[in-house]
Protein backbone atom coordinates (compact mmCIF):
# COMPACT_ATOMS: atom_id res chain seq x y z
CA MET A 1 -3.03 -9.50 4.17
CA THR A 2 -2.80 -8.40 0.54
CA THR A 3 -5.68 -7.16 -1.59
CA PHE A 4 -5.46 -7.68 -5.35
CA LEU A 5 -7.43 -5.51 -7.75
CA GLY A 6 -7.48 -5.95 -11.53
CA ARG A 7 -7.69 -3.51 -14.39
CA HIS A 8 -11.49 -3.52 -14.37
CA SER A 9 -11.88 -2.88 -10.65
CA GLU A 10 -12.73 0.42 -9.03
CA ALA A 11 -9.13 0.98 -7.90
CA ASP A 12 -9.39 4.75 -7.55
CA ASP A 13 -12.51 4.34 -5.41
CA HIS A 14 -10.64 1.81 -3.25
CA ILE A 15 -7.77 4.26 -2.69
CA ALA A 16 -10.20 7.09 -1.93
CA GLN A 17 -12.07 4.89 0.55
CA LEU A 18 -8.84 4.06 2.40
CA ALA A 19 -8.03 7.77 2.69
CA TRP A 20 -11.60 8.57 3.76
CA LEU A 21 -11.25 5.98 6.55
CA GLY A 22 -8.29 7.99 7.80
CA HIS A 23 -5.60 5.51 6.81
CA ASP A 24 -2.10 6.64 5.88
CA VAL A 25 -2.20 5.75 2.16
CA ARG A 26 1.08 5.49 0.24
CA VAL A 27 0.87 4.85 -3.50
CA VAL A 28 3.73 3.47 -5.58
CA SER A 29 3.13 3.51 -9.30
CA GLY A 30 4.51 1.18 -11.91
CA GLY A 31 7.87 -0.18 -12.82
CA ASP A 32 8.75 -1.93 -16.11
CA ASP A 33 11.66 -4.00 -14.80
CA LYS A 34 13.59 -4.61 -11.58
CA ALA A 35 15.41 -1.26 -11.70
CA GLY A 36 12.22 0.59 -12.60
CA VAL A 37 10.14 -0.92 -9.82
CA LEU A 38 12.87 -0.27 -7.26
CA ASP A 39 13.02 3.35 -8.45
CA ALA A 40 9.22 3.56 -8.23
CA PHE A 41 9.27 2.39 -4.61
CA ALA A 42 12.17 4.70 -3.76
CA SER A 43 10.47 7.79 -5.16
CA GLY A 44 6.87 6.86 -4.30
CA LEU A 45 7.69 6.16 -0.67
CA GLU A 46 10.46 8.75 -0.38
CA LEU A 47 12.82 6.07 0.89
CA PRO A 48 15.98 7.20 2.71
CA ASP A 49 19.31 7.81 1.02
CA TRP A 50 20.67 4.49 2.29
CA PHE A 51 18.17 2.60 0.10
CA GLY A 52 20.41 0.37 -2.04
CA HIS A 53 18.06 -0.33 -4.97
CA ASN A 54 18.08 -4.10 -4.48
CA TRP A 55 15.55 -6.60 -3.12
CA ASP A 56 17.13 -6.82 0.36
CA ALA A 57 17.18 -3.04 0.66
CA LEU A 58 13.50 -2.88 -0.37
CA LEU A 59 12.60 -5.41 2.31
CA ASP A 60 14.56 -3.47 4.95
CA ALA A 61 13.09 -0.12 3.87
CA LEU A 62 9.53 -1.44 4.01
CA ARG A 63 10.15 -2.91 7.44
CA ASP A 64 11.32 0.53 8.59
CA LEU A 65 8.62 2.55 6.79
CA ASP A 66 7.09 4.97 9.27
CA GLY A 67 3.43 5.76 9.31
CA ALA A 68 1.37 8.11 11.43
CA ARG A 69 1.13 6.80 14.98
CA GLY A 70 -1.98 4.75 15.59
CA VAL A 71 -3.12 5.01 11.97
CA PRO A 72 -3.14 1.96 9.67
CA LEU A 73 -0.56 2.21 6.89
CA GLU A 74 -1.92 1.29 3.46
CA LEU A 75 0.73 0.54 0.83
CA VAL A 76 -0.77 0.54 -2.67
CA TRP A 77 1.31 -0.72 -5.60
CA ASP A 78 -0.58 0.61 -8.62
CA HIS A 79 0.03 -0.17 -12.29
CA ALA A 80 1.75 -3.46 -11.46
CA ALA A 81 0.53 -5.14 -14.66
CA THR A 82 3.44 -3.83 -16.74
CA LEU A 83 6.04 -5.55 -14.56
CA ARG A 84 3.94 -8.71 -14.41
CA GLU A 85 3.80 -8.80 -18.22
CA HIS A 86 7.47 -7.92 -18.84
CA ASP A 87 9.28 -9.63 -15.97
CA ARG A 88 7.19 -12.18 -14.07
CA GLY A 89 10.15 -13.12 -11.86
CA ALA A 90 10.62 -9.54 -10.63
CA TYR A 91 6.86 -9.16 -10.16
CA ASP A 92 6.72 -12.33 -8.05
CA THR A 93 9.69 -11.12 -5.98
CA VAL A 94 8.00 -7.80 -5.24
CA LEU A 95 4.84 -9.66 -4.19
CA GLU A 96 6.85 -11.92 -1.89
CA ILE A 97 8.51 -8.90 -0.28
CA LEU A 98 5.22 -7.02 0.14
CA GLU A 99 3.47 -10.04 1.62
CA GLN A 100 6.37 -10.79 3.97
CA VAL A 101 6.35 -7.23 5.32
CA ALA A 102 2.55 -7.22 5.62
CA ASP A 103 2.75 -10.48 7.60
CA GLU A 104 5.42 -9.02 9.91
CA ARG A 105 3.67 -5.71 10.57
CA ASP A 106 0.28 -5.41 12.23
CA ASP A 107 -0.04 -1.79 11.07
CA LEU A 108 0.54 -2.42 7.34
CA HIS A 109 -1.85 -3.57 4.65
CA VAL A 110 -0.92 -4.00 0.98
CA THR A 111 -3.03 -3.52 -2.14
CA VAL A 112 -1.69 -4.55 -5.57
CA ILE A 113 -3.48 -3.08 -8.57
CA THR A 114 -2.73 -4.75 -11.90
CA ARG A 115 -3.97 -2.22 -14.40
């Protein structure tokens, strides 16, 4: 399941609430284009050295993303509006990847914040 929050939502409160609930919250911020968003995921999630900076590698890395045992993993993609405005195709691809991984993993929930 994916939660979408817009620029006028209480996004920071949402993130704080997830942490308060004891969830393992991982925040990825921004990305202006394909390369930028892949870099944002690589640095924001501290992806392994084998991460190949392409869509397939992002899918594989998210499938393998480790969270604390028994704790829900909350992946928050913040400041996604820039990519949506500049490269709608890349934005849609990231959403597809995030939703696919969220569907495959019972322990992962995704929030996309378009501010």
